[in-house]
Amino acid sequence: MDKEQNQNLNDKIEENNEGEKSSINESNQISEAKIKGEEKVDIKSDEDKVKELEDKLARTFAEMENQRRRFEKEKVEAFEYGGFAFAKEALNLIDNLERSKQILMNDQKLKETEALNKTLEHLEIIIKDLTSIFSKNDIVPIESLNKKLDPNFHQAMMEIEDNEKEPGTIIQEIQKGFTIKQRLLRPALVGVSKKSNDKDKDKDQKNEENKENSEQK
């Protein structure tokens, strides 16, 4: 009897021990799983942080490169076009010399005189020297006469009837235009051709005829 009771107690103790061991193993497995999960979360967040930093660095470098290029471009433009305003004002010298030359040539009292010829020669030399200086600094005149009107370089001031030229052809240059390093310094002021209107001509002729007839009466 005592032996059986002792045996039963021993069996129960062993069952309890095994149950405790299994519960301990389960709790250990759960805690290990939790730890592994936390490690995965931590690893993932670290990777995201690295990618975020790499992205920020790439954008910062790209912005720095853009700023460097912009600075280089502005530096080149400042060097090339720094004298833009001065060059534009200097063109007035040529304009004034050309006007003076034209006034002297149209003066009836001075026509065909030795003084006029010498003065015109000197003016021509000065104009050529100025043009040469401009040319050395990449300031060149715009070709206009007999060219098609180009709004990028020409400014039409008037239309002139001319049936021999195509409409829009430049047949008169009022003021010479210039470019500096292929950039417009000032446009050429020009007169362009247009086809004459036959109807207007007929009207003018009829008006003239009616006027003559009324005067004769």
N, C-alpha and C. Protein backbone atom coordinates (compact mmCIF):
# COMPACT_ATOMS: atom_id res chain seq x y z
N MET A 1 0.82 -1.19 0.00
CA MET A 1 0.00 0.00 0.00
C MET A 1 0.86 1.25 0.00
N ASP A 2 1.78 1.29 0.94
CA ASP A 2 2.69 2.44 1.01
C ASP A 2 3.52 2.57 -0.25
N LYS A 3 3.90 1.47 -0.79
CA LYS A 3 4.69 1.50 -2.02
C LYS A 3 3.91 2.11 -3.16
N GLU A 4 2.63 1.70 -3.25
CA GLU A 4 1.79 2.23 -4.34
C GLU A 4 1.60 3.73 -4.18
N GLN A 5 1.35 4.17 -2.92
CA GLN A 5 1.14 5.60 -2.68
C GLN A 5 2.40 6.40 -3.05
N ASN A 6 3.55 5.85 -2.63
CA ASN A 6 4.82 6.54 -2.96
C ASN A 6 5.06 6.62 -4.47
N GLN A 7 4.68 5.51 -5.12
CA GLN A 7 4.84 5.49 -6.58
C GLN A 7 3.97 6.54 -7.25
N ASN A 8 2.72 6.64 -6.76
CA ASN A 8 1.79 7.62 -7.33
C ASN A 8 2.31 9.04 -7.11
N LEU A 9 2.85 9.28 -5.88
CA LEU A 9 3.39 10.62 -5.60
C LEU A 9 4.56 10.95 -6.51
N ASN A 10 5.41 9.97 -6.69
CA ASN A 10 6.56 10.19 -7.58
C ASN A 10 6.12 10.48 -9.00
N ASP A 11 5.08 9.74 -9.46
CA ASP A 11 4.57 9.97 -10.83
C ASP A 11 4.02 11.38 -10.98
N LYS A 12 3.26 11.80 -9.91
CA LYS A 12 2.67 13.14 -9.97
C LYS A 12 3.75 14.23 -9.98
N ILE A 13 4.80 13.98 -9.17
CA ILE A 13 5.91 14.96 -9.11
C ILE A 13 6.60 15.06 -10.47
N GLU A 14 6.81 13.89 -11.10
CA GLU A 14 7.45 13.89 -12.42
C GLU A 14 6.58 14.60 -13.46
N GLU A 15 5.23 14.35 -13.36
CA GLU A 15 4.31 15.02 -14.31
C GLU A 15 4.37 16.54 -14.13
N ASN A 16 4.38 16.92 -12.83
CA ASN A 16 4.45 18.37 -12.57
C ASN A 16 5.75 18.98 -13.10
N ASN A 17 6.84 18.24 -12.88
CA ASN A 17 8.14 18.73 -13.36
C ASN A 17 8.17 18.87 -14.89
N GLU A 18 7.60 17.84 -15.55
CA GLU A 18 7.56 17.89 -17.03
C GLU A 18 6.68 19.03 -17.51
N GLY A 19 5.55 19.24 -16.80
CA GLY A 19 4.65 20.35 -17.17
C GLY A 19 5.33 21.69 -17.02
N GLU A 20 6.07 21.80 -15.87
CA GLU A 20 6.79 23.07 -15.64
C GLU A 20 7.86 23.29 -16.71
N LYS A 21 8.58 22.16 -17.06
CA LYS A 21 9.61 22.26 -18.08
C LYS A 21 9.03 22.71 -19.41
N SER A 22 7.88 22.08 -19.79
CA SER A 22 7.26 22.44 -21.09
C SER A 22 6.80 23.89 -21.11
N SER A 23 6.21 24.34 -19.97
CA SER A 23 5.76 25.74 -19.91
C SER A 23 6.93 26.71 -19.98
N ILE A 24 8.06 26.27 -19.31
CA ILE A 24 9.27 27.11 -19.36
C ILE A 24 9.81 27.18 -20.79
N ASN A 25 9.80 26.01 -21.48
CA ASN A 25 10.27 25.97 -22.88
C ASN A 25 9.41 26.86 -23.79
N GLU A 26 8.08 26.76 -23.58
CA GLU A 26 7.16 27.58 -24.38
C GLU A 26 7.41 29.07 -24.16
N SER A 27 7.57 29.44 -22.87
CA SER A 27 7.82 30.86 -22.56
C SER A 27 9.15 31.32 -23.14
N ASN A 28 10.15 30.40 -23.10
CA ASN A 28 11.46 30.73 -23.68
C ASN A 28 11.35 30.92 -25.19
N GLN A 29 10.58 30.04 -25.84
CA GLN A 29 10.40 30.14 -27.30
C GLN A 29 9.69 31.44 -27.67
N ILE A 30 8.66 31.79 -26.87
CA ILE A 30 7.92 33.03 -27.14
C ILE A 30 8.83 34.25 -26.99
N SER A 31 9.64 34.24 -25.91
CA SER A 31 10.54 35.38 -25.68
C SER A 31 11.60 35.47 -26.76
N GLU A 32 12.10 34.27 -27.21
CA GLU A 32 13.08 34.26 -28.30
C GLU A 32 12.48 34.82 -29.59
N ALA A 33 11.23 34.42 -29.87
CA ALA A 33 10.54 34.91 -31.07
C ALA A 33 10.36 36.42 -31.01
N LYS A 34 9.99 36.91 -29.79
CA LYS A 34 9.83 38.36 -29.62
C LYS A 34 11.13 39.10 -29.88
N ILE A 35 12.21 38.53 -29.32
CA ILE A 35 13.53 39.16 -29.48
C ILE A 35 13.93 39.21 -30.95
N LYS A 36 13.69 38.08 -31.65
CA LYS A 36 14.02 38.03 -33.08
C LYS A 36 13.20 39.05 -33.87
N GLY A 37 11.91 39.14 -33.53
CA GLY A 37 11.03 40.12 -34.21
C GLY A 37 11.51 41.54 -34.00
N GLU A 38 11.89 41.84 -32.74
CA GLU A 38 12.40 43.19 -32.44
C GLU A 38 13.69 43.47 -33.20
N GLU A 39 14.56 42.41 -33.29
CA GLU A 39 15.81 42.59 -34.02
C GLU A 39 15.55 42.88 -35.48
N LYS A 40 14.53 42.15 -36.07
CA LYS A 40 14.18 42.39 -37.48
C LYS A 40 13.68 43.81 -37.67
N VAL A 41 12.83 44.26 -36.74
CA VAL A 41 12.30 45.64 -36.84
C VAL A 41 13.43 46.65 -36.76
N ASP A 42 14.36 46.40 -35.82
CA ASP A 42 15.49 47.32 -35.65
C ASP A 42 16.37 47.34 -36.90
N ILE A 43 16.62 46.15 -37.48
CA ILE A 43 17.46 46.06 -38.68
C ILE A 43 16.79 46.79 -39.84
N LYS A 44 15.49 46.60 -39.98
CA LYS A 44 14.75 47.24 -41.07
C LYS A 44 14.79 48.76 -40.94
N SER A 45 14.58 49.24 -39.72
CA SER A 45 14.58 50.69 -39.51
C SER A 45 15.97 51.27 -39.77
N ASP A 46 17.02 50.54 -39.44
CA ASP A 46 18.39 51.01 -39.73
C ASP A 46 18.64 51.11 -41.23
N GLU A 47 18.15 50.13 -41.98
CA GLU A 47 18.30 50.15 -43.44
C GLU A 47 17.57 51.36 -44.04
N ASP A 48 16.37 51.62 -43.51
CA ASP A 48 15.60 52.77 -43.99
C ASP A 48 16.34 54.08 -43.70
N LYS A 49 16.94 54.13 -42.51
CA LYS A 49 17.69 55.34 -42.14
C LYS A 49 18.88 55.56 -43.07
N VAL A 50 19.58 54.47 -43.41
CA VAL A 50 20.73 54.56 -44.31
C VAL A 50 20.28 55.04 -45.69
N LYS A 51 19.18 54.46 -46.19
CA LYS A 51 18.66 54.87 -47.50
C LYS A 51 18.24 56.34 -47.50
N GLU A 52 17.61 56.76 -46.41
CA GLU A 52 17.18 58.15 -46.29
C GLU A 52 18.37 59.10 -46.30
N LEU A 53 19.43 58.72 -45.57
CA LEU A 53 20.65 59.54 -45.55
C LEU A 53 21.31 59.61 -46.93
N GLU A 54 21.34 58.43 -47.61
CA GLU A 54 21.92 58.40 -48.95
C GLU A 54 21.14 59.29 -49.91
N ASP A 55 19.82 59.26 -49.79
CA ASP A 55 18.96 60.09 -50.65
C ASP A 55 19.21 61.58 -50.39
N LYS A 56 19.31 61.93 -49.11
CA LYS A 56 19.57 63.33 -48.75
C LYS A 56 20.93 63.79 -49.27
N LEU A 57 21.93 62.93 -49.13
CA LEU A 57 23.27 63.26 -49.63
C LEU A 57 23.27 63.46 -51.14
N ALA A 58 22.58 62.56 -51.85
CA ALA A 58 22.52 62.65 -53.32
C ALA A 58 21.87 63.95 -53.75
N ARG A 59 20.76 64.33 -53.07
CA ARG A 59 20.07 65.58 -53.41
C ARG A 59 20.93 66.80 -53.09
N THR A 60 21.65 66.72 -51.96
CA THR A 60 22.54 67.84 -51.58
C THR A 60 23.65 68.03 -52.60
N PHE A 61 24.26 66.92 -53.03
CA PHE A 61 25.33 66.99 -54.05
C PHE A 61 24.80 67.53 -55.36
N ALA A 62 23.59 67.10 -55.76
CA ALA A 62 22.98 67.57 -57.01
C ALA A 62 22.72 69.07 -56.95
N GLU A 63 22.24 69.54 -55.80
CA GLU A 63 21.97 70.98 -55.63
C GLU A 63 23.27 71.78 -55.67
N MET A 64 24.30 71.25 -55.02
CA MET A 64 25.61 71.92 -55.04
C MET A 64 26.17 72.01 -56.45
N GLU A 65 25.99 70.94 -57.23
CA GLU A 65 26.47 70.93 -58.61
C GLU A 65 25.72 71.94 -59.47
N ASN A 66 24.40 72.03 -59.26
CA ASN A 66 23.59 73.01 -60.00
C ASN A 66 24.02 74.44 -59.66
N GLN A 67 24.28 74.69 -58.38
CA GLN A 67 24.73 76.02 -57.97
C GLN A 67 26.09 76.36 -58.57
N ARG A 68 26.97 75.36 -58.61
CA ARG A 68 28.30 75.58 -59.19
C ARG A 68 28.19 75.93 -60.67
N ARG A 69 27.35 75.19 -61.41
CA ARG A 69 27.17 75.47 -62.84
C ARG A 69 26.55 76.84 -63.07
N ARG A 70 25.56 77.19 -62.22
CA ARG A 70 24.93 78.50 -62.34
C ARG A 70 25.92 79.62 -62.09
N PHE A 71 26.78 79.42 -61.08
CA PHE A 71 27.79 80.42 -60.77
C PHE A 71 28.78 80.58 -61.92
N GLU A 72 29.20 79.44 -62.52
CA GLU A 72 30.13 79.48 -63.65
C GLU A 72 29.51 80.23 -64.83
N LYS A 73 28.23 79.95 -65.09
CA LYS A 73 27.53 80.61 -66.20
C LYS A 73 27.45 82.11 -65.97
N GLU A 74 27.07 82.51 -64.74
CA GLU A 74 26.96 83.93 -64.41
C GLU A 74 28.32 84.62 -64.51
N LYS A 75 29.37 83.91 -64.11
CA LYS A 75 30.73 84.48 -64.17
C LYS A 75 31.14 84.74 -65.61
N VAL A 76 30.85 83.75 -66.49
CA VAL A 76 31.19 83.88 -67.91
C VAL A 76 30.40 85.03 -68.54
N GLU A 77 29.09 85.10 -68.23
CA GLU A 77 28.25 86.16 -68.80
C GLU A 77 28.69 87.53 -68.30
N ALA A 78 29.06 87.60 -67.02
CA ALA A 78 29.53 88.89 -66.47
C ALA A 78 30.80 89.35 -67.17
N PHE A 79 31.68 88.39 -67.48
CA PHE A 79 32.94 88.71 -68.15
C PHE A 79 32.68 89.13 -69.60
N GLU A 80 31.79 88.38 -70.29
CA GLU A 80 31.56 88.63 -71.72
C GLU A 80 30.69 89.85 -71.96
N TYR A 81 29.65 90.05 -71.11
CA TYR A 81 28.69 91.12 -71.35
C TYR A 81 28.77 92.25 -70.32
N GLY A 82 29.88 92.28 -69.57
CA GLY A 82 30.03 93.32 -68.56
C GLY A 82 30.04 94.71 -69.16
N GLY A 83 30.57 94.82 -70.40
CA GLY A 83 30.62 96.13 -71.07
C GLY A 83 29.45 96.38 -72.00
N PHE A 84 28.35 95.65 -71.78
CA PHE A 84 27.18 95.74 -72.67
C PHE A 84 26.63 97.18 -72.72
N ALA A 85 26.41 97.77 -71.54
CA ALA A 85 25.84 99.12 -71.47
C ALA A 85 26.78 100.14 -72.10
N PHE A 86 28.09 99.98 -71.81
CA PHE A 86 29.09 100.90 -72.38
C PHE A 86 29.13 100.80 -73.90
N ALA A 87 29.09 99.56 -74.41
CA ALA A 87 29.12 99.35 -75.86
C ALA A 87 27.90 99.98 -76.52
N LYS A 88 26.74 99.83 -75.87
CA LYS A 88 25.50 100.41 -76.42
C LYS A 88 25.59 101.93 -76.51
N GLU A 89 26.16 102.54 -75.47
CA GLU A 89 26.31 104.01 -75.47
C GLU A 89 27.35 104.44 -76.51
N ALA A 90 28.39 103.63 -76.68
CA ALA A 90 29.46 103.98 -77.62
C ALA A 90 28.97 104.00 -79.07
N LEU A 91 27.89 103.30 -79.35
CA LEU A 91 27.34 103.31 -80.72
C LEU A 91 26.86 104.70 -81.14
N ASN A 92 26.55 105.51 -80.14
CA ASN A 92 26.12 106.89 -80.44
C ASN A 92 27.22 107.68 -81.16
N LEU A 93 28.48 107.31 -80.90
CA LEU A 93 29.59 107.99 -81.58
C LEU A 93 29.49 107.78 -83.10
N ILE A 94 29.28 106.54 -83.50
CA ILE A 94 29.16 106.25 -84.94
C ILE A 94 27.93 106.94 -85.51
N ASP A 95 26.82 106.90 -84.77
CA ASP A 95 25.58 107.55 -85.23
C ASP A 95 25.81 109.04 -85.49
N ASN A 96 26.45 109.70 -84.53
CA ASN A 96 26.68 111.14 -84.67
C ASN A 96 27.62 111.46 -85.83
N LEU A 97 28.63 110.62 -86.02
CA LEU A 97 29.56 110.83 -87.14
C LEU A 97 28.85 110.63 -88.48
N GLU A 98 28.00 109.61 -88.55
CA GLU A 98 27.24 109.36 -89.78
C GLU A 98 26.29 110.51 -90.08
N ARG A 99 25.64 111.04 -89.04
CA ARG A 99 24.72 112.17 -89.24
C ARG A 99 25.48 113.41 -89.70
N SER A 100 26.62 113.66 -89.08
CA SER A 100 27.43 114.82 -89.46
C SER A 100 27.87 114.70 -90.92
N LYS A 101 28.26 113.50 -91.30
CA LYS A 101 28.68 113.24 -92.68
C LYS A 101 27.54 113.51 -93.66
N GLN A 102 26.34 113.06 -93.30
CA GLN A 102 25.17 113.24 -94.16
C GLN A 102 24.79 114.72 -94.29
N ILE A 103 24.86 115.45 -93.15
CA ILE A 103 24.52 116.89 -93.17
C ILE A 103 25.48 117.66 -94.07
N LEU A 104 26.77 117.34 -93.96
CA LEU A 104 27.78 118.02 -94.79
C LEU A 104 27.57 117.71 -96.28
N MET A 105 27.24 116.47 -96.59
CA MET A 105 27.04 116.08 -97.99
C MET A 105 25.82 116.76 -98.60
N ASN A 106 24.82 117.07 -97.75
CA ASN A 106 23.60 117.71 -98.26
C ASN A 106 23.67 119.24 -98.25
N ASP A 107 24.76 119.76 -97.76
CA ASP A 107 24.91 121.22 -97.72
C ASP A 107 25.27 121.73 -99.11
N GLN A 108 24.39 122.52 -99.68
CA GLN A 108 24.57 123.02 -101.06
C GLN A 108 25.78 123.94 -101.19
N LYS A 109 26.07 124.69 -100.15
CA LYS A 109 27.18 125.64 -100.22
C LYS A 109 28.54 124.93 -100.24
N LEU A 110 28.59 123.77 -99.56
CA LEU A 110 29.87 123.05 -99.46
C LEU A 110 30.07 122.02 -100.57
N LYS A 111 29.05 121.78 -101.36
CA LYS A 111 29.13 120.73 -102.38
C LYS A 111 30.28 120.97 -103.34
N GLU A 112 31.03 119.88 -103.59
CA GLU A 112 32.13 119.87 -104.55
C GLU A 112 33.26 120.84 -104.18
N THR A 113 33.40 121.10 -102.88
CA THR A 113 34.52 121.95 -102.43
C THR A 113 35.63 121.06 -101.86
N GLU A 114 36.84 121.58 -101.88
CA GLU A 114 37.98 120.83 -101.37
C GLU A 114 37.86 120.59 -99.86
N ALA A 115 37.32 121.58 -99.15
CA ALA A 115 37.16 121.49 -97.69
C ALA A 115 36.21 120.35 -97.33
N LEU A 116 35.12 120.23 -98.11
CA LEU A 116 34.14 119.17 -97.86
C LEU A 116 34.76 117.79 -98.08
N ASN A 117 35.48 117.65 -99.18
CA ASN A 117 36.09 116.36 -99.49
C ASN A 117 37.07 115.91 -98.41
N LYS A 118 37.89 116.85 -97.93
CA LYS A 118 38.86 116.52 -96.88
C LYS A 118 38.15 116.14 -95.57
N THR A 119 37.12 116.91 -95.25
CA THR A 119 36.35 116.64 -94.02
C THR A 119 35.70 115.27 -94.07
N LEU A 120 35.11 114.95 -95.22
CA LEU A 120 34.46 113.64 -95.39
C LEU A 120 35.47 112.50 -95.30
N GLU A 121 36.66 112.72 -95.84
CA GLU A 121 37.72 111.70 -95.76
C GLU A 121 38.10 111.43 -94.30
N HIS A 122 38.27 112.51 -93.53
CA HIS A 122 38.63 112.36 -92.11
C HIS A 122 37.52 111.65 -91.33
N LEU A 123 36.29 112.03 -91.61
CA LEU A 123 35.16 111.38 -90.93
C LEU A 123 35.11 109.89 -91.25
N GLU A 124 35.36 109.57 -92.51
CA GLU A 124 35.33 108.17 -92.95
C GLU A 124 36.42 107.35 -92.24
N ILE A 125 37.60 107.96 -92.07
CA ILE A 125 38.71 107.28 -91.37
C ILE A 125 38.33 107.00 -89.91
N ILE A 126 37.72 108.02 -89.26
CA ILE A 126 37.32 107.86 -87.85
C ILE A 126 36.27 106.77 -87.71
N ILE A 127 35.29 106.77 -88.62
CA ILE A 127 34.23 105.75 -88.58
C ILE A 127 34.80 104.35 -88.77
N LYS A 128 35.75 104.21 -89.71
CA LYS A 128 36.39 102.91 -89.95
C LYS A 128 37.19 102.44 -88.73
N ASP A 129 37.90 103.39 -88.09
CA ASP A 129 38.68 103.04 -86.89
C ASP A 129 37.77 102.57 -85.75
N LEU A 130 36.66 103.27 -85.56
CA LEU A 130 35.71 102.89 -84.51
C LEU A 130 35.11 101.51 -84.80
N THR A 131 34.74 101.30 -86.06
CA THR A 131 34.17 100.01 -86.46
C THR A 131 35.17 98.88 -86.24
N SER A 132 36.45 99.15 -86.52
CA SER A 132 37.50 98.15 -86.31
C SER A 132 37.66 97.82 -84.83
N ILE A 133 37.61 98.85 -83.97
CA ILE A 133 37.72 98.63 -82.52
C ILE A 133 36.54 97.79 -82.02
N PHE A 134 35.34 98.13 -82.51
CA PHE A 134 34.15 97.36 -82.14
C PHE A 134 34.29 95.90 -82.57
N SER A 135 34.77 95.73 -83.80
CA SER A 135 34.89 94.38 -84.36
C SER A 135 35.85 93.52 -83.53
N LYS A 136 36.95 94.12 -83.06
CA LYS A 136 37.92 93.39 -82.23
C LYS A 136 37.31 92.93 -80.91
N ASN A 137 36.25 93.64 -80.48
CA ASN A 137 35.56 93.29 -79.23
C ASN A 137 34.22 92.57 -79.51
N ASP A 138 34.16 91.95 -80.70
CA ASP A 138 32.99 91.15 -81.10
C ASP A 138 31.70 91.97 -81.19
N ILE A 139 31.84 93.27 -81.48
CA ILE A 139 30.67 94.11 -81.74
C ILE A 139 30.61 94.34 -83.24
N VAL A 140 29.65 93.71 -83.89
CA VAL A 140 29.62 93.75 -85.36
C VAL A 140 28.26 94.28 -85.85
N PRO A 141 28.28 94.98 -87.00
CA PRO A 141 27.03 95.51 -87.54
C PRO A 141 26.14 94.41 -88.10
N ILE A 142 24.84 94.64 -88.05
CA ILE A 142 23.85 93.70 -88.60
C ILE A 142 23.64 94.01 -90.07
N GLU A 143 23.72 93.00 -90.91
CA GLU A 143 23.44 93.19 -92.35
C GLU A 143 21.94 93.36 -92.54
N SER A 144 21.58 94.38 -93.29
CA SER A 144 20.15 94.69 -93.43
C SER A 144 19.68 94.81 -94.87
N LEU A 145 20.34 95.66 -95.65
CA LEU A 145 19.87 95.96 -97.01
C LEU A 145 19.73 94.71 -97.86
N ASN A 146 18.57 94.63 -98.53
CA ASN A 146 18.23 93.51 -99.44
C ASN A 146 18.06 92.17 -98.70
N LYS A 147 17.99 92.23 -97.38
CA LYS A 147 17.73 91.03 -96.59
C LYS A 147 16.25 90.98 -96.20
N LYS A 148 15.77 89.79 -95.91
CA LYS A 148 14.41 89.64 -95.41
C LYS A 148 14.33 90.16 -93.97
N LEU A 149 13.24 90.79 -93.63
CA LEU A 149 13.07 91.34 -92.28
C LEU A 149 13.10 90.20 -91.25
N ASP A 150 13.99 90.33 -90.28
CA ASP A 150 14.11 89.36 -89.18
C ASP A 150 13.80 90.10 -87.88
N PRO A 151 12.65 89.80 -87.26
CA PRO A 151 12.26 90.52 -86.03
C PRO A 151 13.28 90.40 -84.90
N ASN A 152 14.16 89.40 -84.97
CA ASN A 152 15.18 89.24 -83.94
C ASN A 152 16.29 90.28 -84.05
N PHE A 153 16.46 90.85 -85.26
CA PHE A 153 17.55 91.79 -85.48
C PHE A 153 17.11 93.11 -86.12
N HIS A 154 15.92 93.13 -86.72
CA HIS A 154 15.46 94.34 -87.42
C HIS A 154 14.15 94.85 -86.81
N GLN A 155 14.00 96.16 -86.89
CA GLN A 155 12.75 96.79 -86.46
C GLN A 155 12.23 97.65 -87.61
N ALA A 156 11.08 97.25 -88.16
CA ALA A 156 10.52 97.97 -89.31
C ALA A 156 9.90 99.29 -88.85
N MET A 157 10.34 100.38 -89.47
CA MET A 157 9.84 101.71 -89.13
C MET A 157 8.85 102.24 -90.16
N MET A 158 8.93 101.69 -91.38
CA MET A 158 8.04 102.16 -92.44
C MET A 158 7.93 101.11 -93.54
N GLU A 159 6.89 101.23 -94.36
CA GLU A 159 6.71 100.39 -95.55
C GLU A 159 6.82 101.27 -96.78
N ILE A 160 7.57 100.77 -97.77
CA ILE A 160 7.80 101.55 -98.99
C ILE A 160 7.32 100.71 -100.18
N GLU A 161 6.52 101.31 -101.03
CA GLU A 161 6.01 100.59 -102.20
C GLU A 161 7.15 100.28 -103.17
N ASP A 162 7.26 99.00 -103.51
CA ASP A 162 8.30 98.57 -104.45
C ASP A 162 7.88 97.23 -105.04
N ASN A 163 7.47 97.26 -106.33
CA ASN A 163 7.00 96.04 -106.98
C ASN A 163 8.14 95.14 -107.46
N GLU A 164 9.36 95.64 -107.44
CA GLU A 164 10.50 94.84 -107.89
C GLU A 164 11.03 93.92 -106.79
N LYS A 165 10.80 94.30 -105.53
CA LYS A 165 11.27 93.50 -104.39
C LYS A 165 10.11 92.69 -103.80
N GLU A 166 10.47 91.57 -103.20
CA GLU A 166 9.46 90.78 -102.48
C GLU A 166 9.01 91.56 -101.25
N PRO A 167 7.72 91.46 -100.90
CA PRO A 167 7.25 92.16 -99.69
C PRO A 167 8.04 91.71 -98.45
N GLY A 168 8.39 92.67 -97.61
CA GLY A 168 9.15 92.36 -96.41
C GLY A 168 10.65 92.41 -96.60
N THR A 169 11.09 92.82 -97.81
CA THR A 169 12.52 92.97 -98.06
C THR A 169 12.98 94.34 -97.58
N ILE A 170 14.13 94.39 -96.92
CA ILE A 170 14.65 95.66 -96.40
C ILE A 170 15.28 96.44 -97.55
N ILE A 171 14.74 97.62 -97.81
CA ILE A 171 15.26 98.44 -98.91
C ILE A 171 15.81 99.78 -98.40
N GLN A 172 15.67 100.02 -97.10
CA GLN A 172 16.24 101.25 -96.54
C GLN A 172 16.69 100.99 -95.10
N GLU A 173 17.89 101.48 -94.77
CA GLU A 173 18.41 101.35 -93.41
C GLU A 173 18.45 102.74 -92.78
N ILE A 174 17.61 102.92 -91.77
CA ILE A 174 17.51 104.22 -91.11
C ILE A 174 18.59 104.36 -90.04
N GLN A 175 18.78 103.29 -89.28
CA GLN A 175 19.85 103.28 -88.25
C GLN A 175 20.46 101.88 -88.21
N LYS A 176 21.79 101.84 -88.21
CA LYS A 176 22.49 100.56 -88.23
C LYS A 176 22.33 99.83 -86.90
N GLY A 177 22.12 98.50 -86.99
CA GLY A 177 22.03 97.68 -85.79
C GLY A 177 23.33 96.94 -85.53
N PHE A 178 23.54 96.49 -84.28
CA PHE A 178 24.77 95.79 -83.91
C PHE A 178 24.47 94.61 -82.97
N THR A 179 25.37 93.63 -83.02
CA THR A 179 25.34 92.52 -82.06
C THR A 179 26.67 92.49 -81.31
N ILE A 180 26.64 91.93 -80.08
CA ILE A 180 27.87 91.73 -79.31
C ILE A 180 27.93 90.26 -78.92
N LYS A 181 28.97 89.57 -79.40
CA LYS A 181 29.13 88.13 -79.17
C LYS A 181 27.85 87.37 -79.53
N GLN A 182 27.31 87.71 -80.71
CA GLN A 182 26.12 87.08 -81.29
C GLN A 182 24.85 87.36 -80.48
N ARG A 183 24.94 88.31 -79.58
CA ARG A 183 23.76 88.73 -78.80
C ARG A 183 23.37 90.14 -79.26
N LEU A 184 22.06 90.37 -79.41
CA LEU A 184 21.60 91.66 -79.93
C LEU A 184 22.00 92.80 -79.00
N LEU A 185 22.70 93.78 -79.59
CA LEU A 185 23.06 94.99 -78.84
C LEU A 185 22.00 96.06 -79.07
N ARG A 186 21.63 96.23 -80.32
CA ARG A 186 20.47 97.07 -80.65
C ARG A 186 19.99 96.68 -82.04
N PRO A 187 18.67 96.72 -82.29
CA PRO A 187 18.16 96.32 -83.60
C PRO A 187 18.41 97.39 -84.66
N ALA A 188 18.45 96.96 -85.90
CA ALA A 188 18.58 97.90 -87.01
C ALA A 188 17.19 98.47 -87.31
N LEU A 189 17.11 99.79 -87.47
CA LEU A 189 15.84 100.45 -87.83
C LEU A 189 15.79 100.53 -89.35
N VAL A 190 14.75 99.94 -89.94
CA VAL A 190 14.73 99.77 -91.39
C VAL A 190 13.36 100.12 -91.99
N GLY A 191 13.39 100.28 -93.33
CA GLY A 191 12.17 100.41 -94.12
C GLY A 191 12.05 99.19 -95.01
N VAL A 192 10.85 98.60 -95.08
CA VAL A 192 10.66 97.36 -95.85
C VAL A 192 9.73 97.61 -97.03
N SER A 193 9.88 96.76 -98.04
CA SER A 193 9.10 96.91 -99.26
C SER A 193 7.70 96.32 -99.10
N LYS A 194 6.77 96.86 -99.89
CA LYS A 194 5.44 96.29 -99.99
C LYS A 194 4.93 96.50 -101.41
N LYS A 195 4.01 95.65 -101.83
CA LYS A 195 3.45 95.77 -103.18
C LYS A 195 2.55 97.00 -103.24
N SER A 196 2.64 97.71 -104.36
CA SER A 196 1.79 98.89 -104.53
C SER A 196 0.36 98.45 -104.77
N ASN A 197 -0.60 99.24 -104.27
CA ASN A 197 -2.01 98.93 -104.42
C ASN A 197 -2.54 99.59 -105.69
N ASP A 198 -2.91 98.76 -106.71
CA ASP A 198 -3.38 99.28 -108.00
C ASP A 198 -4.68 100.06 -107.85
N LYS A 199 -5.53 99.63 -106.92
CA LYS A 199 -6.80 100.33 -106.72
C LYS A 199 -6.57 101.75 -106.25
N ASP A 200 -5.63 101.90 -105.32
CA ASP A 200 -5.31 103.24 -104.82
C ASP A 200 -4.74 104.12 -105.94
N LYS A 201 -3.93 103.48 -106.82
CA LYS A 201 -3.35 104.24 -107.93
C LYS A 201 -4.45 104.74 -108.86
N ASP A 202 -5.42 103.84 -109.17
CA ASP A 202 -6.55 104.22 -110.05
C ASP A 202 -7.35 105.35 -109.45
N LYS A 203 -7.57 105.27 -108.12
CA LYS A 203 -8.31 106.33 -107.44
C LYS A 203 -7.58 107.66 -107.54
N ASP A 204 -6.26 107.61 -107.33
CA ASP A 204 -5.46 108.84 -107.40
C ASP A 204 -5.49 109.44 -108.80
N GLN A 205 -5.42 108.56 -109.82
CA GLN A 205 -5.47 109.04 -111.20
C GLN A 205 -6.81 109.68 -111.52
N LYS A 206 -7.90 109.03 -111.07
CA LYS A 206 -9.24 109.58 -111.31
C LYS A 206 -9.42 110.91 -110.61
N ASN A 207 -8.90 110.99 -109.37
CA ASN A 207 -8.99 112.26 -108.64
C ASN A 207 -8.24 113.37 -109.37
N GLU A 208 -7.06 113.02 -109.90
CA GLU A 208 -6.27 114.01 -110.65
C GLU A 208 -7.02 114.46 -111.91
N GLU A 209 -7.62 113.48 -112.62
CA GLU A 209 -8.36 113.81 -113.84
C GLU A 209 -9.55 114.70 -113.54
N ASN A 210 -10.29 114.35 -112.47
CA ASN A 210 -11.45 115.17 -112.09
C ASN A 210 -11.03 116.58 -111.69
N LYS A 211 -9.87 116.68 -111.04
CA LYS A 211 -9.37 117.99 -110.63
C LYS A 211 -9.03 118.84 -111.85
N GLU A 212 -8.38 118.20 -112.82
CA GLU A 212 -8.00 118.92 -114.04
C GLU A 212 -9.24 119.38 -114.81
N ASN A 213 -10.22 118.46 -114.88
CA ASN A 213 -11.47 118.81 -115.61
C ASN A 213 -12.19 119.97 -114.96
N SER A 214 -12.23 119.95 -113.64
CA SER A 214 -12.93 121.04 -112.92
C SER A 214 -12.18 122.36 -113.08
N GLU A 215 -10.85 122.29 -113.13
CA GLU A 215 -10.06 123.52 -113.32
C GLU A 215 -10.26 124.10 -114.71
N GLN A 216 -10.39 123.20 -115.71
CA GLN A 216 -10.60 123.67 -117.10
C GLN A 216 -11.95 124.32 -117.26
N LYS A 217 -12.93 123.79 -116.55
CA LYS A 217 -14.28 124.40 -116.64
C LYS A 217 -14.27 125.76 -115.97
